[in-house]
C-alpha atoms as a PDB file:
ATOM      1  CA  UNK A   1      -5.311  -4.699 -40.945  1.00  0.00           C
ATOM      2  CA  UNK A   2      -2.900  -5.738 -38.203  1.00  0.00           C
ATOM      3  CA  UNK A   3      -0.314  -3.269 -36.946  1.00  0.00           C
ATOM      4  CA  UNK A   4       2.483  -5.592 -38.032  1.00  0.00           C
ATOM      5  CA  UNK A   5       1.244  -5.508 -41.631  1.00  0.00           C
ATOM      6  CA  UNK A   6       1.007  -1.718 -41.605  1.00  0.00           C
ATOM      7  CA  UNK A   7       4.577  -1.472 -40.291  1.00  0.00           C
ATOM      8  CA  UNK A   8       5.703  -3.856 -43.004  1.00  0.00           C
ATOM      9  CA  UNK A   9       4.116  -1.647 -45.672  1.00  0.00           C
ATOM     10  CA  UNK A  10       5.703   1.513 -44.255  1.00  0.00           C
ATOM     11  CA  UNK A  11       9.118  -0.113 -43.825  1.00  0.00           C
ATOM     12  CA  UNK A  12       9.234  -1.368 -47.391  1.00  0.00           C
ATOM     13  CA  UNK A  13       8.003   1.907 -48.832  1.00  0.00           C
ATOM     14  CA  UNK A  14      10.541   4.124 -47.085  1.00  0.00           C
ATOM     15  CA  UNK A  15      13.272   1.527 -47.348  1.00  0.00           C
ATOM     16  CA  UNK A  16      12.799   1.632 -51.108  1.00  0.00           C
ATOM     17  CA  UNK A  17      12.986   5.429 -51.043  1.00  0.00           C
ATOM     18  CA  UNK A  18      16.235   5.291 -49.062  1.00  0.00           C
ATOM     19  CA  UNK A  19      17.740   2.772 -51.467  1.00  0.00           C
ATOM     20  CA  UNK A  20      16.771   4.926 -54.414  1.00  0.00           C
ATOM     21  CA  UNK A  21      18.402   7.963 -52.822  1.00  0.00           C
ATOM     22  CA  UNK A  22      21.514   5.897 -52.149  1.00  0.00           C
ATOM     23  CA  UNK A  23      21.562   4.701 -55.747  1.00  0.00           C
ATOM     24  CA  UNK A  24      21.010   1.049 -54.895  1.00  0.00           C
ATOM     25  CA  UNK A  25      17.360   0.694 -55.969  1.00  0.00           C
ATOM     26  CA  UNK A  26      16.017   1.876 -59.314  1.00  0.00           C
ATOM     27  CA  UNK A  27      12.423   0.955 -58.523  1.00  0.00           C
ATOM     28  CA  UNK A  28      10.208   3.817 -57.344  1.00  0.00           C
ATOM     29  CA  UNK A  29       6.731   3.051 -55.976  1.00  0.00           C
ATOM     30  CA  UNK A  30       3.977   4.425 -58.179  1.00  0.00           C
ATOM     31  CA  UNK A  31       2.075   5.635 -55.126  1.00  0.00           C
ATOM     32  CA  UNK A  32       2.872   8.000 -52.281  1.00  0.00           C
ATOM     33  CA  UNK A  33       6.534   8.758 -52.787  1.00  0.00           C
ATOM     34  CA  UNK A  34       6.299  11.166 -49.876  1.00  0.00           C
ATOM     35  CA  UNK A  35       3.820  12.660 -47.484  1.00  0.00           C
ATOM     36  CA  UNK A  36       2.950  15.700 -49.597  1.00  0.00           C
ATOM     37  CA  UNK A  37       0.910  14.822 -52.672  1.00  0.00           C
ATOM     38  CA  UNK A  38       2.728  17.568 -54.573  1.00  0.00           C
ATOM     39  CA  UNK A  39       5.821  15.403 -54.681  1.00  0.00           C
ATOM     40  CA  UNK A  40       4.501  11.989 -55.602  1.00  0.00           C
ATOM     41  CA  UNK A  41       6.949  10.686 -58.196  1.00  0.00           C
ATOM     42  CA  UNK A  42       7.301   7.592 -60.333  1.00  0.00           C
ATOM     43  CA  UNK A  43      10.666   8.468 -61.827  1.00  0.00           C
ATOM     44  CA  UNK A  44      13.951  10.013 -60.614  1.00  0.00           C
ATOM     45  CA  UNK A  45      13.752  13.549 -59.258  1.00  0.00           C
ATOM     46  CA  UNK A  46      14.557  16.444 -61.534  1.00  0.00           C
ATOM     47  CA  UNK A  47      17.222  18.968 -60.557  1.00  0.00           C
ATOM     48  CA  UNK A  48      14.486  21.450 -59.698  1.00  0.00           C
ATOM     49  CA  UNK A  49      12.764  18.976 -57.380  1.00  0.00           C
ATOM     50  CA  UNK A  50      16.044  18.154 -55.702  1.00  0.00           C
ATOM     51  CA  UNK A  51      17.075  21.763 -55.096  1.00  0.00           C
ATOM     52  CA  UNK A  52      13.750  23.037 -53.836  1.00  0.00           C
ATOM     53  CA  UNK A  53      12.399  19.870 -52.183  1.00  0.00           C
ATOM     54  CA  UNK A  54       9.065  20.876 -53.660  1.00  0.00           C
ATOM     55  CA  UNK A  55       9.037  24.253 -51.955  1.00  0.00           C
ATOM     56  CA  UNK A  56       9.405  23.024 -48.381  1.00  0.00           C
ATOM     57  CA  UNK A  57      12.933  24.378 -47.898  1.00  0.00           C
ATOM     58  CA  UNK A  58      14.759  27.357 -49.326  1.00  0.00           C
ATOM     59  CA  UNK A  59      17.854  27.061 -51.477  1.00  0.00           C
ATOM     60  CA  UNK A  60      19.881  28.649 -48.695  1.00  0.00           C
ATOM     61  CA  UNK A  61      18.706  26.106 -46.134  1.00  0.00           C
ATOM     62  CA  UNK A  62      19.676  23.042 -48.147  1.00  0.00           C
ATOM     63  CA  UNK A  63      22.869  24.443 -49.665  1.00  0.00           C
ATOM     64  CA  UNK A  64      25.783  22.129 -48.961  1.00  0.00           C
ATOM     65  CA  UNK A  65      23.731  19.161 -47.782  1.00  0.00           C
ATOM     66  CA  UNK A  66      24.498  15.726 -49.271  1.00  0.00           C
ATOM     67  CA  UNK A  67      22.451  15.068 -52.382  1.00  0.00           C
ATOM     68  CA  UNK A  68      21.242  11.751 -50.967  1.00  0.00           C
ATOM     69  CA  UNK A  69      19.728  13.565 -47.965  1.00  0.00           C
ATOM     70  CA  UNK A  70      17.719  15.750 -50.324  1.00  0.00           C
ATOM     71  CA  UNK A  71      16.651  12.837 -52.505  1.00  0.00           C
ATOM     72  CA  UNK A  72      15.402  10.890 -49.468  1.00  0.00           C
ATOM     73  CA  UNK A  73      13.395  13.825 -48.075  1.00  0.00           C
ATOM     74  CA  UNK A  74       9.719  12.889 -47.733  1.00  0.00           C
ATOM     75  CA  UNK A  75       8.098  15.582 -45.632  1.00  0.00           C
ATOM     76  CA  UNK A  76       4.973  17.714 -45.701  1.00  0.00           C
ATOM     77  CA  UNK A  77       6.374  20.920 -44.221  1.00  0.00           C
ATOM     78  CA  UNK A  78       9.395  22.552 -42.650  1.00  0.00           C
ATOM     79  CA  UNK A  79       9.534  22.082 -38.861  1.00  0.00           C
ATOM     80  CA  UNK A  80      12.737  24.104 -38.777  1.00  0.00           C
ATOM     81  CA  UNK A  81      10.644  27.203 -39.513  1.00  0.00           C
ATOM     82  CA  UNK A  82       9.146  26.988 -36.011  1.00  0.00           C
ATOM     83  CA  UNK A  83      11.816  25.056 -34.086  1.00  0.00           C
ATOM     84  CA  UNK A  84      13.401  28.111 -32.388  1.00  0.00           C
ATOM     85  CA  UNK A  85      16.636  26.214 -31.831  1.00  0.00           C
ATOM     86  CA  UNK A  86      19.459  27.651 -29.768  1.00  0.00           C
ATOM     87  CA  UNK A  87      23.169  26.883 -29.613  1.00  0.00           C
ATOM     88  CA  UNK A  88      23.992  24.004 -27.294  1.00  0.00           C
ATOM     89  CA  UNK A  89      20.533  22.413 -27.297  1.00  0.00           C
ATOM     90  CA  UNK A  90      19.727  18.721 -27.661  1.00  0.00           C
ATOM     91  CA  UNK A  91      17.288  18.055 -30.509  1.00  0.00           C
ATOM     92  CA  UNK A  92      15.403  14.844 -31.250  1.00  0.00           C
ATOM     93  CA  UNK A  93      14.096  14.162 -34.770  1.00  0.00           C
ATOM     94  CA  UNK A  94      11.257  11.615 -34.856  1.00  0.00           C
ATOM     95  CA  UNK A  95      11.465   9.560 -38.036  1.00  0.00           C
ATOM     96  CA  UNK A  96      14.648  11.249 -39.213  1.00  0.00           C
ATOM     97  CA  UNK A  97      14.788   9.583 -42.643  1.00  0.00           C
ATOM     98  CA  UNK A  98      17.837  10.552 -44.672  1.00  0.00           C
ATOM     99  CA  UNK A  99      18.705  13.237 -42.141  1.00  0.00           C
ATOM    100  CA  UNK A 100      17.774  16.522 -43.801  1.00  0.00           C
ATOM    101  CA  UNK A 101      16.180  18.065 -40.688  1.00  0.00           C
ATOM    102  CA  UNK A 102      18.914  16.623 -38.471  1.00  0.00           C
ATOM    103  CA  UNK A 103      21.549  18.417 -40.496  1.00  0.00           C
ATOM    104  CA  UNK A 104      19.647  21.696 -40.558  1.00  0.00           C
ATOM    105  CA  UNK A 105      19.190  21.461 -36.794  1.00  0.00           C
ATOM    106  CA  UNK A 106      22.857  20.615 -36.308  1.00  0.00           C
ATOM    107  CA  UNK A 107      23.852  23.897 -37.930  1.00  0.00           C
ATOM    108  CA  UNK A 108      21.701  25.812 -35.465  1.00  0.00           C
ATOM    109  CA  UNK A 109      22.686  24.055 -32.238  1.00  0.00           C
ATOM    110  CA  UNK A 110      26.357  24.118 -33.156  1.00  0.00           C
ATOM    111  CA  UNK A 111      29.187  21.865 -31.944  1.00  0.00           C
ATOM    112  CA  UNK A 112      28.129  22.279 -28.307  1.00  0.00           C
ATOM    113  CA  UNK A 113      24.690  20.911 -29.118  1.00  0.00           C
ATOM    114  CA  UNK A 114      23.531  17.498 -30.291  1.00  0.00           C
ATOM    115  CA  UNK A 115      20.929  16.164 -32.705  1.00  0.00           C
ATOM    116  CA  UNK A 116      19.518  12.661 -32.289  1.00  0.00           C
ATOM    117  CA  UNK A 117      17.696  11.057 -35.186  1.00  0.00           C
ATOM    118  CA  UNK A 118      15.470   8.015 -34.665  1.00  0.00           C
ATOM    119  CA  UNK A 119      14.034   6.000 -37.553  1.00  0.00           C
ATOM    120  CA  UNK A 120      12.601   2.484 -37.759  1.00  0.00           C
ATOM    121  CA  UNK A 121      13.794   1.892 -41.335  1.00  0.00           C
ATOM    122  CA  UNK A 122      17.270   0.294 -41.443  1.00  0.00           C
ATOM    123  CA  UNK A 123      17.970   1.598 -44.943  1.00  0.00           C
ATOM    124  CA  UNK A 124      17.147   5.154 -43.861  1.00  0.00           C
ATOM    125  CA  UNK A 125      19.353   4.856 -40.788  1.00  0.00           C
ATOM    126  CA  UNK A 126      22.251   3.600 -42.911  1.00  0.00           C
ATOM    127  CA  UNK A 127      21.718   6.423 -45.397  1.00  0.00           C
ATOM    128  CA  UNK A 128      21.506   9.110 -42.703  1.00  0.00           C
ATOM    129  CA  UNK A 129      24.674   7.871 -41.024  1.00  0.00           C
ATOM    130  CA  UNK A 130      26.515   7.937 -44.328  1.00  0.00           C
ATOM    131  CA  UNK A 131      25.189  11.414 -45.046  1.00  0.00           C
ATOM    132  CA  UNK A 132      26.324  12.592 -41.623  1.00  0.00           C
ATOM    133  CA  UNK A 133      29.804  11.199 -42.233  1.00  0.00           C
ATOM    134  CA  UNK A 134      29.966  12.808 -45.680  1.00  0.00           C
ATOM    135  CA  UNK A 135      28.883  16.109 -44.185  1.00  0.00           C
ATOM    136  CA  UNK A 136      31.207  15.853 -41.202  1.00  0.00           C
ATOM    137  CA  UNK A 137      28.256  16.383 -38.869  1.00  0.00           C
ATOM    138  CA  UNK A 138      29.888  15.099 -35.681  1.00  0.00           C
ATOM    139  CA  UNK A 139      27.068  16.487 -33.528  1.00  0.00           C
ATOM    140  CA  UNK A 140      24.484  14.209 -35.224  1.00  0.00           C
ATOM    141  CA  UNK A 141      23.778  10.628 -34.179  1.00  0.00           C
ATOM    142  CA  UNK A 142      21.155   8.399 -35.759  1.00  0.00           C
ATOM    143  CA  UNK A 143      19.549   5.416 -34.046  1.00  0.00           C
ATOM    144  CA  UNK A 144      17.414   2.551 -35.303  1.00  0.00           C
ATOM    145  CA  UNK A 145      14.249   2.573 -33.243  1.00  0.00           C
ATOM    146  CA  UNK A 146      10.533   3.238 -33.113  1.00  0.00           C
ATOM    147  CA  UNK A 147       8.959   6.511 -32.054  1.00  0.00           C
ATOM    148  CA  UNK A 148       6.568   4.587 -29.798  1.00  0.00           C
ATOM    149  CA  UNK A 149       9.557   3.465 -27.707  1.00  0.00           C
ATOM    150  CA  UNK A 150      12.359   5.979 -28.114  1.00  0.00           C
ATOM    151  CA  UNK A 151      15.957   4.955 -27.344  1.00  0.00           C
ATOM    152  CA  UNK A 152      16.422   8.222 -25.440  1.00  0.00           C
ATOM    153  CA  UNK A 153      16.678   8.860 -21.655  1.00  0.00           C
ATOM    154  CA  UNK A 154      13.977  10.618 -19.660  1.00  0.00           C
ATOM    155  CA  UNK A 155      14.008  14.431 -19.645  1.00  0.00           C
ATOM    156  CA  UNK A 156      17.054  14.654 -21.916  1.00  0.00           C
ATOM    157  CA  UNK A 157      15.795  16.625 -24.933  1.00  0.00           C
ATOM    158  CA  UNK A 158      15.248  20.363 -25.387  1.00  0.00           C
ATOM    159  CA  UNK A 159      13.329  20.233 -28.667  1.00  0.00           C
ATOM    160  CA  UNK A 160      11.510  17.532 -30.622  1.00  0.00           C
ATOM    161  CA  UNK A 161      11.094  17.978 -34.360  1.00  0.00           C
ATOM    162  CA  UNK A 162       9.473  15.723 -36.935  1.00  0.00           C
ATOM    163  CA  UNK A 163       8.359  15.967 -40.537  1.00  0.00           C
ATOM    164  CA  UNK A 164       5.265  14.000 -41.525  1.00  0.00           C
ATOM    165  CA  UNK A 165       5.984  10.950 -39.372  1.00  0.00           C
ATOM    166  CA  UNK A 166       3.571  10.860 -36.416  1.00  0.00           C
ATOM    167  CA  UNK A 167       0.755   9.962 -38.823  1.00  0.00           C
ATOM    168  CA  UNK A 168       2.659   6.781 -39.768  1.00  0.00           C
ATOM    169  CA  UNK A 169       2.492   5.418 -36.231  1.00  0.00           C
ATOM    170  CA  UNK A 170      -0.103   2.784 -35.379  1.00  0.00           C
ATOM    171  CA  UNK A 171       0.012   3.757 -31.677  1.00  0.00           C
ATOM    172  CA  UNK A 172      -0.102   7.523 -31.396  1.00  0.00           C
ATOM    173  CA  UNK A 173      -0.883   7.665 -27.653  1.00  0.00           C
ATOM    174  CA  UNK A 174       2.434   5.848 -27.128  1.00  0.00           C
ATOM    175  CA  UNK A 175       4.194   8.439 -29.314  1.00  0.00           C
ATOM    176  CA  UNK A 176       2.721  11.323 -27.336  1.00  0.00           C
ATOM    177  CA  UNK A 177       3.627   9.618 -24.056  1.00  0.00           C
ATOM    178  CA  UNK A 178       7.220   9.224 -25.243  1.00  0.00           C
ATOM    179  CA  UNK A 179       7.308  12.905 -26.240  1.00  0.00           C
ATOM    180  CA  UNK A 180       6.284  13.835 -22.701  1.00  0.00           C
ATOM    181  CA  UNK A 181       8.836  11.441 -21.212  1.00  0.00           C
ATOM    182  CA  UNK A 182      11.935  12.575 -23.086  1.00  0.00           C
ATOM    183  CA  UNK A 183      11.347  16.332 -23.128  1.00  0.00           C
ATOM    184  CA  UNK A 184      12.949  18.404 -20.403  1.00  0.00           C
ATOM    185  CA  UNK A 185      10.925  20.920 -18.422  1.00  0.00           C
ATOM    186  CA  UNK A 186      10.490  23.889 -20.743  1.00  0.00           C
ATOM    187  CA  UNK A 187      11.168  21.699 -23.778  1.00  0.00           C
ATOM    188  CA  UNK A 188       9.479  22.307 -27.113  1.00  0.00           C
ATOM    189  CA  UNK A 189       7.520  20.102 -29.515  1.00  0.00           C
ATOM    190  CA  UNK A 190       7.733  21.463 -33.082  1.00  0.00           C
ATOM    191  CA  UNK A 191       6.544  19.231 -35.911  1.00  0.00           C
ATOM    192  CA  UNK A 192       4.945  19.184 -39.321  1.00  0.00           C
ATOM    193  CA  UNK A 193       2.310  16.516 -39.937  1.00  0.00           C
ATOM    194  CA  UNK A 194      -0.705  15.558 -42.006  1.00  0.00           C
ATOM    195  CA  UNK A 195      -4.042  16.078 -40.222  1.00  0.00           C
ATOM    196  CA  UNK A 196      -7.750  16.249 -40.950  1.00  0.00           C
ATOM    197  CA  UNK A 197      -9.570  19.515 -40.246  1.00  0.00           C
ATOM    198  CA  UNK A 198     -12.903  17.843 -41.011  1.00  0.00           C
ATOM    199  CA  UNK A 199     -14.308  14.414 -40.228  1.00  0.00           C
ATOM    200  CA  UNK A 200     -12.120  11.957 -42.171  1.00  0.00           C
ATOM    201  CA  UNK A 201     -13.978  10.278 -45.048  1.00  0.00           C
ATOM    202  CA  UNK A 202     -14.899   6.628 -44.643  1.00  0.00           C
ATOM    203  CA  UNK A 203     -12.272   5.513 -47.164  1.00  0.00           C
ATOM    204  CA  UNK A 204      -9.424   7.411 -45.486  1.00  0.00           C
ATOM    205  CA  UNK A 205      -8.273   4.407 -43.485  1.00  0.00           C
ATOM    206  CA  UNK A 206      -7.433   2.292 -46.546  1.00  0.00           C
ATOM    207  CA  UNK A 207      -4.274   0.384 -45.616  1.00  0.00           C
ATOM    208  CA  UNK A 208      -2.543   1.198 -48.889  1.00  0.00           C
ATOM    209  CA  UNK A 209      -2.630   4.881 -47.909  1.00  0.00           C
ATOM    210  CA  UNK A 210      -0.587   4.415 -44.707  1.00  0.00           C
ATOM    211  CA  UNK A 211       2.739   4.986 -46.451  1.00  0.00           C
ATOM    212  CA  UNK A 212       1.240   8.029 -48.151  1.00  0.00           C
ATOM    213  CA  UNK A 213       0.434   9.579 -44.756  1.00  0.00           C
ATOM    214  CA  UNK A 214      -3.348   9.567 -45.237  1.00  0.00           C
ATOM    215  CA  UNK A 215      -4.728   6.457 -43.541  1.00  0.00           C
ATOM    216  CA  UNK A 216      -3.014   7.211 -40.240  1.00  0.00           C
ATOM    217  CA  UNK A 217      -3.591  10.969 -40.140  1.00  0.00           C
ATOM    218  CA  UNK A 218      -5.419  12.223 -37.050  1.00  0.00           C
ATOM    219  CA  UNK A 219      -8.092  14.907 -36.868  1.00  0.00           C
ATOM    220  CA  UNK A 220      -6.251  18.064 -35.824  1.00  0.00           C
ATOM    221  CA  UNK A 221      -8.045  18.425 -32.501  1.00  0.00           C
ATOM    222  CA  UNK A 222      -7.348  14.789 -31.644  1.00  0.00           C
ATOM    223  CA  UNK A 223      -3.641  15.414 -32.320  1.00  0.00           C
ATOM    224  CA  UNK A 224      -3.644  18.452 -30.042  1.00  0.00           C
ATOM    225  CA  UNK A 225      -5.599  16.593 -27.347  1.00  0.00           C
ATOM    226  CA  UNK A 226      -3.059  13.755 -27.513  1.00  0.00           C
ATOM    227  CA  UNK A 227      -0.269  16.196 -26.690  1.00  0.00           C
ATOM    228  CA  UNK A 228      -2.274  17.707 -23.831  1.00  0.00           C
ATOM    229  CA  UNK A 229      -3.042  14.262 -22.419  1.00  0.00           C
ATOM    230  CA  UNK A 230       0.701  13.540 -22.423  1.00  0.00           C
ATOM    231  CA  UNK A 231       1.301  16.540 -20.162  1.00  0.00           C
ATOM    232  CA  UNK A 232       2.239  19.183 -22.725  1.00  0.00           C
ATOM    233  CA  UNK A 233       0.679  22.648 -22.675  1.00  0.00           C
ATOM    234  CA  UNK A 234      -0.381  25.245 -25.226  1.00  0.00           C
ATOM    235  CA  UNK A 235      -0.840  22.658 -27.976  1.00  0.00           C
ATOM    236  CA  UNK A 236      -1.669  24.524 -31.170  1.00  0.00           C
ATOM    237  CA  UNK A 237      -1.472  24.571 -34.950  1.00  0.00           C
ATOM    238  CA  UNK A 238       0.316  27.687 -36.103  1.00  0.00           C
ATOM    239  CA  UNK A 239      -0.013  27.075 -39.818  1.00  0.00           C
ATOM    240  CA  UNK A 240      -2.322  24.872 -41.885  1.00  0.00           C
ATOM    241  CA  UNK A 241      -1.717  24.259 -45.607  1.00  0.00           C
ATOM    242  CA  UNK A 242      -4.461  22.368 -47.368  1.00  0.00           C
ATOM    243  CA  UNK A 243      -3.659  19.444 -49.630  1.00  0.00           C
ATOM    244  CA  UNK A 244      -7.377  18.818 -50.217  1.00  0.00           C
ATOM    245  CA  UNK A 245      -9.464  21.621 -48.735  1.00  0.00           C
ATOM    246  CA  UNK A 246     -12.787  20.085 -49.711  1.00  0.00           C
ATOM    247  CA  UNK A 247     -12.051  16.926 -47.741  1.00  0.00           C
ATOM    248  CA  UNK A 248     -10.121  18.757 -45.008  1.00  0.00           C
ATOM    249  CA  UNK A 249      -6.755  17.073 -45.560  1.00  0.00           C
ATOM    250  CA  UNK A 250      -3.946  19.414 -44.576  1.00  0.00           C
ATOM    251  CA  UNK A 251      -0.330  19.769 -43.584  1.00  0.00           C
ATOM    252  CA  UNK A 252      -0.021  21.525 -40.233  1.00  0.00           C
ATOM    253  CA  UNK A 253       2.836  22.979 -38.211  1.00  0.00           C
ATOM    254  CA  UNK A 254       2.083  21.888 -34.654  1.00  0.00           C
ATOM    255  CA  UNK A 255       3.641  23.202 -31.453  1.00  0.00           C
ATOM    256  CA  UNK A 256       3.429  22.509 -27.729  1.00  0.00           C
ATOM    257  CA  UNK A 257       5.639  22.843 -24.651  1.00  0.00           C
ATOM    258  CA  UNK A 258       6.400  20.774 -21.589  1.00  0.00           C
ATOM    259  CA  UNK A 259       5.852  22.726 -18.362  1.00  0.00           C
END
């Protein structure tokens, strides 16, 4: 399947999720509502699902965030658990969605810092901007763009975070190259993503699974090698949570640094 068709599938899927969170779309896809198969839904979220985001974030973390940011969340882990953010830093969120990780990062970097969200889905960008305004998060800015060609200057970012988005890209070497370009010396890469710890099964690349974060998932070592090839060092997976241990499908917290 052509890259343009895959992008079309992903755009429509996450656009629909953003519209549902915003209350402008009552239709929920029956497949792959988010990257973690524990939160596939075909009906509106329950209060428990909304408050816990299926166990990825604690109640304390999400307290006070706009409800629409929680409803749009579609991750497979919590990159904030390994981000090591400091006051005054510049943070870039790849595929920022409704903004949940942007807003959590904004709390940590404070008013002297800045969080930049980039998402290719117009509906998600609109939703995140509205959420930021509702929250009064003046240190958050959200841009429409693709993670293969980031609208961010060279060597301008201290930390890159992302939650189950790299797997959605059809050109991962370009993503890793952009990561190396925009990170400052000493900058950190801290993401959660879906990976394979075994050889992916032959049916894993089914196009309909792209929006569900399966078809585009990389073998873990290939992900780490991609970071190393882009000039990052100490690429590693600090935590692996299996979604299907028999097949080797897992959510991993992945880290690396730019020398």
